[in-house]
Amino acid sequence: MKYPGFFDEIEHIVLKDDLSEFLGATEGGIIDISYLEIVKMAGHSCGVVSGAYLMALKGLKALYGKELPQRGQIKVELKSTLDAGDNTGVTAQELSNITGATTDTGFHGLPDGKYNRRDLMFFGANIPSDVRFTRLDIGKSVDINYTPGKVVDPKGTLMTAIGPESTDESRSTFPLRWQKMVKKIFDNADQVIEVVQN
């Protein structure tokens, strides 16, 4: 499988998942997630998928510091709703894959309720940011904003390359230029991601 080389340069997200350890899926419950794996789950790489990955990467670092984030022990709130028409569902799906949080679709846990992954993701939340992560163990939370427009224009001139006035050349070079845009987002992560500790 061939993919853009810069995917391999992106920092991985490493978490501890007690359910994974309990079931023997990974040694010590350590889950190592790369951007490429998230791309495979989404089926594509774009400003939304890269933004979700960066929000998770930066948000979890701020929430846990030097500790390993505890997958399945993180509440995820999104300010937007699923019917807002702004790709909130894509963001939520990637955040769910990374954190383990789901609405009512995840693992319901053991008979004693341990390892439950449901009721950990919420939409239309009354928060001042795009996304909020909260640790279930100590109640600490961080607010995260993603503003790709600071460095790229994902809905602007690049999209004309596949519009009615497109040319054979613009269409053939579109994938390369699209991923160049995604790389620019990663290269400027500190500008497009804002994390506020509560």
Foldseek 3Di string as FASTA:
>chain_A
DDDDPCQVVDAWQWAAEVVCCVVVVDPRRIDTGGLVNLCVVLVHFAPLSLQLVLCCRVFQCVQAPPDGHYALQKAKEFQADPPPPPCVVSSVVSNCVRRVADAAPHDQDDPVRPSGRHNRYYYNDPDPEGMKIAGNVPGWMKGKHFALVVFDDRPPDLVCCPDPPHDPVSVVCSVVVRVVSSVRCSVPVVVGMDMGTD
